[in-house]
Amino acid sequence: MDYDIDSNYGHVPVLRDRVTQLLAPAIEAFGKNAVIVDGTLGAGGHTEHFLKVFPEASVIGIDRDPNALRDASERLAPFGDRFVPVQARFDELGHAISNNAGPVFDTAREHGVAGSLFDLGVSSMQLDQEERGFAYRVDAPLDMRMDPTTGITAADILNTYSHGDLARILKTYGDERFAGKIASAVLKEREKEPFDRSARLVELLYATIPAATRRTGGHPAKRTFQALRIEVNGELDSIKNVIPAIAEALGVGGRAVFMSYQSLEDKIVKSAFKDLTASKTPPGLPMDLPGTAPKFRTITSGAEKASEAEISENPRAAPVRVRGIEKLPEPAI
């Protein structure tokens, strides 16, 4: 979930116009019954744009971060009851739609969701809040929770995980070549004193990762901090869980768009979309058997990337990969 700095509310969302183009046919077709789910509300930039360009639509904005939800709600207050905030993990959207009262939720239940956006990962807004501990370039508490009111922190992981578990998350979530070596160094160092701030971890990583790798592989802390953040927030499990949830919540003709910034995220989305858009008829039959036809179609050709112009204007758009699907009507029998 990456944003660039803007003079107004602090952030301009990556690929705002392209995402809007992808969702527009569905939102316009639903008309006054169009409900959009912004599953990663953040600073509210995407939602603000949707509310401006789709004057009949309403938006349910979901974010687990109470600070982000508060600030975005203040930003979006001029739109009145067309915007409804929900504090939750985005994979809890099915529960949010089913169990909340109000006209927007009633419309979403009756007609299905018209469009949805999931701008994955950590936002620069969160990175800029030094006390959250997401950034490795400043000394800060090792927290990294997107919802700072609940769950384990990065410090908890460093101070309590076994060597095997620590090495596993560094390798799996950070693609860290020296995962085992770093895990050994962490266990040795925590015997002297528990980890509580990021500068000490960064210093350990500089000392542990070979100099030749440090010179060519980017900042030596990048992979470890990414791995810790993903583990703290259960990010990949949330992505796996939200895709079937939004697939169920969409109305016929409704669309879902996912923006991924790392290969682990994009692989999950790609695999899930492949399954949703595939026929379940056994190979070799001339036509789909009843109940086995695809229920979705892709609306992007593979994973779309940001243009050179957008990357030049906003370098944080460089790694983004965009995929979208549309819910199909049930085939006539």
Protein backbone atom coordinates (compact mmCIF):
# COMPACT_ATOMS: atom_id res chain seq x y z
CA MET A 1 0.00 0.00 0.00
CA ASP A 2 2.31 2.73 -1.20
CA TYR A 3 1.63 6.45 -1.55
CA ASP A 4 3.51 9.48 -2.72
CA ILE A 5 3.63 12.82 -0.93
CA ASP A 6 1.05 15.43 -1.91
CA SER A 7 0.59 18.97 -0.67
CA ASN A 8 -3.04 18.43 0.31
CA TYR A 9 -3.73 15.43 2.51
CA GLY A 10 -0.24 13.99 2.48
CA HIS A 11 -0.61 11.16 -0.02
CA VAL A 12 -1.60 10.52 -3.62
CA PRO A 13 -2.39 6.86 -4.30
CA VAL A 14 -0.33 4.88 -6.78
CA LEU A 15 -2.09 4.07 -10.09
CA ARG A 16 -5.21 5.94 -9.00
CA ASP A 17 -6.46 6.54 -12.54
CA ARG A 18 -5.77 3.02 -13.81
CA VAL A 19 -7.50 1.42 -10.84
CA THR A 20 -10.47 3.71 -11.42
CA GLN A 21 -10.61 2.66 -15.08
CA LEU A 22 -10.64 -1.00 -14.11
CA LEU A 23 -13.48 -0.57 -11.62
CA ALA A 24 -15.53 1.95 -13.61
CA PRO A 25 -17.59 -0.42 -15.82
CA ALA A 26 -18.91 -2.28 -12.79
CA ILE A 27 -19.56 0.79 -10.65
CA GLU A 28 -21.35 2.57 -13.48
CA ALA A 29 -23.45 -0.52 -14.25
CA PHE A 30 -24.59 -0.78 -10.61
CA GLY A 31 -25.62 2.91 -10.64
CA LYS A 32 -27.26 4.05 -7.39
CA ASN A 33 -26.72 0.56 -5.96
CA ALA A 34 -22.94 0.75 -6.33
CA VAL A 35 -21.04 -0.03 -3.14
CA ILE A 36 -17.24 -0.04 -3.28
CA VAL A 37 -15.11 -1.79 -0.68
CA ASP A 38 -11.74 -0.15 -0.12
CA GLY A 39 -10.14 -2.98 1.82
CA THR A 40 -6.95 -1.05 2.56
CA LEU A 41 -8.22 2.45 3.29
CA GLY A 42 -4.93 3.96 4.47
CA ALA A 43 -4.90 7.73 4.02
CA GLY A 44 -8.17 7.55 2.04
CA GLY A 45 -6.77 8.73 -1.28
CA HIS A 46 -8.33 6.05 -3.45
CA THR A 47 -11.66 6.35 -1.66
CA GLU A 48 -11.74 10.12 -1.98
CA HIS A 49 -11.19 9.80 -5.73
CA PHE A 50 -13.89 7.14 -6.08
CA LEU A 51 -16.41 9.27 -4.22
CA LYS A 52 -15.64 12.23 -6.48
CA VAL A 53 -15.76 10.46 -9.85
CA PHE A 54 -18.65 8.09 -9.02
CA PRO A 55 -21.25 10.44 -7.50
CA GLU A 56 -23.87 7.71 -7.00
CA ALA A 57 -21.50 5.26 -5.30
CA SER A 58 -20.82 4.68 -1.61
CA VAL A 59 -17.64 3.28 -0.07
CA ILE A 60 -17.03 0.95 2.86
CA GLY A 61 -13.48 1.75 3.99
CA ILE A 62 -11.70 -0.99 5.95
CA ASP A 63 -8.45 -0.60 7.87
CA ARG A 64 -7.02 -2.33 10.91
CA ASP A 65 -5.04 0.77 11.91
CA PRO A 66 -7.23 2.95 14.17
CA ASN A 67 -5.03 6.00 13.52
CA ALA A 68 -5.40 5.65 9.74
CA LEU A 69 -9.14 5.10 10.08
CA ARG A 70 -9.53 8.21 12.22
CA ASP A 71 -7.53 10.44 9.88
CA ALA A 72 -9.17 9.10 6.73
CA SER A 73 -12.64 9.53 8.25
CA GLU A 74 -11.85 13.17 8.97
CA ARG A 75 -10.64 13.62 5.39
CA LEU A 76 -13.76 11.99 3.96
CA ALA A 77 -16.30 13.66 6.26
CA PRO A 78 -17.51 16.02 3.46
CA PHE A 79 -19.00 13.00 1.68
CA GLY A 80 -21.37 12.34 4.56
CA ASP A 81 -23.00 8.93 4.77
CA ARG A 82 -21.63 7.87 1.38
CA PHE A 83 -18.49 6.81 3.28
CA VAL A 84 -18.63 4.25 6.10
CA PRO A 85 -15.44 3.35 8.03
CA VAL A 86 -14.84 -0.11 9.52
CA GLN A 87 -11.93 -1.06 11.77
CA ALA A 88 -11.03 -4.62 10.86
CA ARG A 89 -8.55 -6.74 8.97
CA PHE A 90 -9.52 -6.71 5.33
CA ASP A 91 -10.12 -10.46 5.33
CA GLU A 92 -12.95 -9.79 7.81
CA LEU A 93 -14.93 -7.89 5.16
CA GLY A 94 -17.55 -10.63 4.84
CA HIS A 95 -18.37 -10.33 8.53
CA ALA A 96 -18.36 -6.53 8.26
CA ILE A 97 -20.87 -6.54 5.41
CA SER A 98 -23.09 -9.19 7.02
CA ASN A 99 -23.22 -7.77 10.53
CA ASN A 100 -23.22 -3.98 10.25
CA ALA A 101 -26.41 -1.94 10.05
CA GLY A 102 -27.09 0.98 7.75
CA PRO A 103 -28.15 1.77 4.17
CA VAL A 104 -24.72 1.13 2.62
CA PHE A 105 -24.46 -2.34 4.18
CA ASP A 106 -28.09 -3.09 3.27
CA THR A 107 -27.32 -2.23 -0.38
CA ALA A 108 -24.15 -4.36 -0.37
CA ARG A 109 -26.08 -7.33 1.00
CA GLU A 110 -28.98 -6.96 -1.44
CA HIS A 111 -27.08 -6.25 -4.65
CA GLY A 112 -23.56 -7.43 -3.88
CA VAL A 113 -20.42 -5.31 -3.92
CA ALA A 114 -19.85 -3.44 -7.20
CA GLY A 115 -16.12 -2.87 -6.89
CA SER A 116 -13.30 -3.49 -4.47
CA LEU A 117 -9.66 -2.49 -4.12
CA PHE A 118 -6.87 -4.03 -2.08
CA ASP A 119 -3.67 -1.96 -2.06
CA LEU A 120 -1.44 -4.40 -0.21
CA GLY A 121 1.49 -3.95 2.15
CA VAL A 122 2.55 -1.14 4.44
CA SER A 123 1.81 2.48 3.53
CA SER A 124 4.39 5.23 3.48
CA MET A 125 2.10 6.98 5.94
CA GLN A 126 2.90 4.21 8.41
CA LEU A 127 6.57 4.22 7.42
CA ASP A 128 6.70 7.94 8.14
CA GLN A 129 5.46 7.41 11.71
CA GLU A 130 8.82 6.61 13.24
CA GLU A 131 7.39 5.32 16.51
CA ARG A 132 5.69 2.44 14.64
CA GLY A 133 9.05 0.76 13.92
CA PHE A 134 8.44 -0.14 10.26
CA ALA A 135 11.44 1.78 8.89
CA TYR A 136 15.00 0.56 9.33
CA ARG A 137 16.63 3.91 8.58
CA VAL A 138 15.60 5.46 11.92
CA ASP A 139 15.95 4.15 15.47
CA ALA A 140 12.51 3.30 16.83
CA PRO A 141 10.72 0.72 19.00
CA LEU A 142 10.51 -2.67 17.30
CA ASP A 143 6.72 -2.72 17.01
CA MET A 144 5.54 -3.03 13.34
CA ARG A 145 1.90 -3.73 14.20
CA MET A 146 -0.56 -2.21 11.73
CA ASP A 147 -3.08 -2.27 14.57
CA PRO A 148 -0.93 -1.04 17.48
CA THR A 149 -3.53 -2.10 20.04
CA THR A 150 -3.26 -5.86 19.64
CA GLY A 151 -0.99 -8.76 18.74
CA ILE A 152 2.70 -9.55 18.98
CA THR A 153 5.43 -7.06 18.10
CA ALA A 154 8.62 -7.49 16.12
CA ALA A 155 10.49 -7.36 19.44
CA ASP A 156 8.38 -10.27 20.73
CA ILE A 157 9.41 -12.33 17.71
CA LEU A 158 13.10 -11.54 18.07
CA ASN A 159 13.05 -12.27 21.80
CA THR A 160 10.95 -15.45 21.89
CA TYR A 161 11.07 -17.34 18.58
CA SER A 162 13.24 -20.42 18.29
CA HIS A 163 16.20 -20.47 15.92
CA GLY A 164 14.25 -22.59 13.46
CA ASP A 165 11.14 -20.42 13.45
CA LEU A 166 13.14 -17.21 13.16
CA ALA A 167 15.22 -18.57 10.28
CA ARG A 168 12.05 -19.82 8.57
CA ILE A 169 10.28 -16.45 8.51
CA LEU A 170 13.44 -14.63 7.41
CA LYS A 171 13.89 -17.06 4.53
CA THR A 172 10.23 -17.43 3.55
CA TYR A 173 9.03 -13.85 3.96
CA GLY A 174 12.27 -11.97 3.33
CA ASP A 175 14.09 -14.28 0.90
CA GLU A 176 17.09 -13.73 3.15
CA ARG A 177 20.14 -15.80 2.08
CA PHE A 178 21.69 -15.56 5.52
CA ALA A 179 18.56 -16.42 7.51
CA GLY A 180 20.20 -19.10 9.62
CA LYS A 181 23.25 -16.97 10.36
CA ILE A 182 21.08 -14.01 11.36
CA ALA A 183 18.89 -16.21 13.57
CA SER A 184 21.99 -17.51 15.37
CA ALA A 185 23.25 -13.96 15.92
CA VAL A 186 19.85 -12.85 17.26
CA LEU A 187 19.67 -15.71 19.77
CA LYS A 188 23.19 -14.99 20.97
CA GLU A 189 22.57 -11.25 21.27
CA ARG A 190 19.23 -11.55 23.06
CA GLU A 191 20.90 -13.53 25.85
CA LYS A 192 22.76 -10.34 26.75
CA GLU A 193 19.68 -8.12 26.59
CA PRO A 194 16.25 -8.37 24.92
CA PHE A 195 15.74 -6.50 21.65
CA ASP A 196 13.54 -3.42 21.91
CA ARG A 197 14.75 -0.88 19.30
CA SER A 198 15.52 -1.06 15.60
CA ALA A 199 19.02 0.45 15.63
CA ARG A 200 20.40 -2.50 17.59
CA LEU A 201 18.91 -4.96 15.10
CA VAL A 202 20.28 -2.99 12.14
CA GLU A 203 23.71 -2.98 13.78
CA LEU A 204 23.52 -6.76 14.20
CA LEU A 205 22.57 -7.21 10.55
CA TYR A 206 25.50 -5.08 9.38
CA ALA A 207 27.81 -7.23 11.49
CA THR A 208 26.31 -10.54 10.33
CA ILE A 209 25.75 -10.10 6.59
CA PRO A 210 29.02 -10.34 4.59
CA ALA A 211 30.45 -7.07 3.31
CA ALA A 212 30.31 -8.17 -0.35
CA THR A 213 26.56 -8.74 -0.08
CA ARG A 214 26.03 -5.45 1.73
CA ARG A 215 27.66 -3.61 -1.15
CA THR A 216 25.43 -5.07 -3.85
CA GLY A 217 22.20 -6.27 -2.26
CA GLY A 218 20.54 -3.06 -1.12
CA HIS A 219 20.16 -2.12 2.53
CA PRO A 220 21.11 -5.17 4.65
CA ALA A 221 18.08 -4.69 6.92
CA LYS A 222 15.44 -4.54 4.17
CA ARG A 223 14.69 -8.26 3.95
CA THR A 224 14.67 -8.87 7.69
CA PHE A 225 12.36 -5.93 8.39
CA GLN A 226 10.00 -7.08 5.62
CA ALA A 227 9.91 -10.60 7.05
CA LEU A 228 9.24 -9.38 10.59
CA ARG A 229 6.46 -7.06 9.41
CA ILE A 230 4.73 -9.83 7.45
CA GLU A 231 4.92 -12.19 10.43
CA VAL A 232 3.71 -9.59 12.93
CA ASN A 233 0.64 -8.74 10.85
CA GLY A 234 -0.13 -12.14 9.32
CA GLU A 235 -0.18 -10.39 5.95
CA LEU A 236 0.02 -13.38 3.61
CA ASP A 237 -2.67 -15.31 5.47
CA SER A 238 -4.92 -12.25 5.24
CA ILE A 239 -4.45 -12.12 1.45
CA LYS A 240 -5.21 -15.83 1.11
CA ASN A 241 -8.37 -15.41 3.18
CA VAL A 242 -9.69 -12.21 1.62
CA ILE A 243 -9.83 -13.44 -1.98
CA PRO A 244 -12.60 -16.01 -1.41
CA ALA A 245 -14.32 -13.50 0.89
CA ILE A 246 -14.52 -10.76 -1.75
CA ALA A 247 -15.35 -13.34 -4.44
CA GLU A 248 -18.43 -14.24 -2.39
CA ALA A 249 -19.33 -10.61 -1.63
CA LEU A 250 -19.21 -9.32 -5.23
CA GLY A 251 -22.44 -8.94 -7.13
CA VAL A 252 -22.76 -10.20 -10.71
CA GLY A 253 -20.58 -7.93 -12.83
CA GLY A 254 -18.71 -6.72 -9.74
CA ARG A 255 -14.95 -6.32 -9.93
CA ALA A 256 -12.01 -6.80 -7.54
CA VAL A 257 -8.58 -5.25 -8.05
CA PHE A 258 -5.43 -6.17 -6.13
CA MET A 259 -2.21 -4.15 -6.07
CA SER A 260 0.85 -6.11 -4.92
CA TYR A 261 4.30 -4.75 -4.17
CA GLN A 262 6.27 -7.94 -3.59
CA SER A 263 6.40 -11.31 -5.30
CA LEU A 264 4.99 -13.24 -2.33
CA GLU A 265 1.79 -11.18 -2.46
CA ASP A 266 1.46 -11.34 -6.24
CA LYS A 267 1.98 -15.12 -6.33
CA ILE A 268 -0.95 -15.62 -3.94
CA VAL A 269 -3.22 -13.34 -5.98
CA LYS A 270 -2.16 -14.90 -9.29
CA SER A 271 -2.79 -18.44 -8.05
CA ALA A 272 -6.18 -17.60 -6.55
CA PHE A 273 -7.31 -15.77 -9.69
CA LYS A 274 -6.21 -18.71 -11.84
CA ASP A 275 -8.44 -21.00 -9.80
CA LEU A 276 -11.41 -18.61 -9.83
CA THR A 277 -11.31 -18.15 -13.61
CA ALA A 278 -10.81 -21.83 -14.50
CA SER A 279 -13.45 -24.26 -15.65
CA LYS A 280 -13.93 -27.23 -13.31
CA THR A 281 -15.03 -29.50 -16.16
CA PRO A 282 -12.68 -32.51 -16.56
CA PRO A 283 -10.25 -32.06 -19.46
CA GLY A 284 -11.29 -33.39 -22.86
CA LEU A 285 -14.99 -32.64 -22.69
CA PRO A 286 -16.36 -30.41 -25.49
CA MET A 287 -18.31 -28.10 -23.16
CA ASP A 288 -18.60 -27.14 -19.50
CA LEU A 289 -20.70 -29.47 -17.40
CA PRO A 290 -23.48 -27.82 -15.36
CA GLY A 291 -22.05 -25.99 -12.37
CA THR A 292 -18.44 -26.21 -13.57
CA ALA A 293 -18.15 -23.11 -15.78
CA PRO A 294 -15.81 -20.34 -14.60
CA LYS A 295 -17.47 -17.89 -12.19
CA PHE A 296 -14.99 -15.09 -12.88
CA ARG A 297 -12.94 -13.63 -15.72
CA THR A 298 -9.74 -11.64 -15.59
CA ILE A 299 -9.89 -7.95 -16.49
CA THR A 300 -6.12 -7.45 -16.69
CA SER A 301 -3.68 -9.15 -19.03
CA GLY A 302 -1.48 -10.85 -16.48
CA ALA A 303 -0.05 -8.41 -13.96
CA GLU A 304 -0.08 -4.79 -15.07
CA LYS A 305 2.82 -2.54 -14.09
CA ALA A 306 3.17 1.20 -13.61
CA SER A 307 4.24 3.21 -16.63
CA GLU A 308 7.65 4.84 -16.83
CA ALA A 309 5.94 8.21 -16.49
CA GLU A 310 4.24 7.22 -13.24
CA ILE A 311 7.41 5.69 -11.84
CA SER A 312 9.31 8.86 -12.71
CA GLU A 313 6.71 10.93 -10.88
CA ASN A 314 6.35 8.46 -8.00
CA PRO A 315 9.24 5.98 -7.58
CA ARG A 316 7.23 3.95 -5.07
CA ALA A 317 5.08 2.73 -7.97
CA ALA A 318 8.01 0.81 -9.48
CA PRO A 319 7.31 -2.62 -7.93
CA VAL A 320 3.51 -2.57 -8.17
CA ARG A 321 1.67 -5.43 -9.90
CA VAL A 322 -2.05 -5.04 -10.60
CA ARG A 323 -4.50 -7.88 -11.20
CA GLY A 324 -8.29 -7.78 -11.48
CA ILE A 325 -11.28 -10.08 -11.90
CA GLU A 326 -14.99 -9.71 -12.70
CA LYS A 327 -17.81 -11.91 -11.42
CA LEU A 328 -19.74 -13.58 -14.24
CA PRO A 329 -23.47 -14.35 -14.36
CA GLU A 330 -24.57 -17.89 -13.85
CA PRO A 331 -24.74 -19.63 -17.26
CA ALA A 332 -28.21 -20.35 -18.61
CA ILE A 333 -29.23 -23.96 -18.35
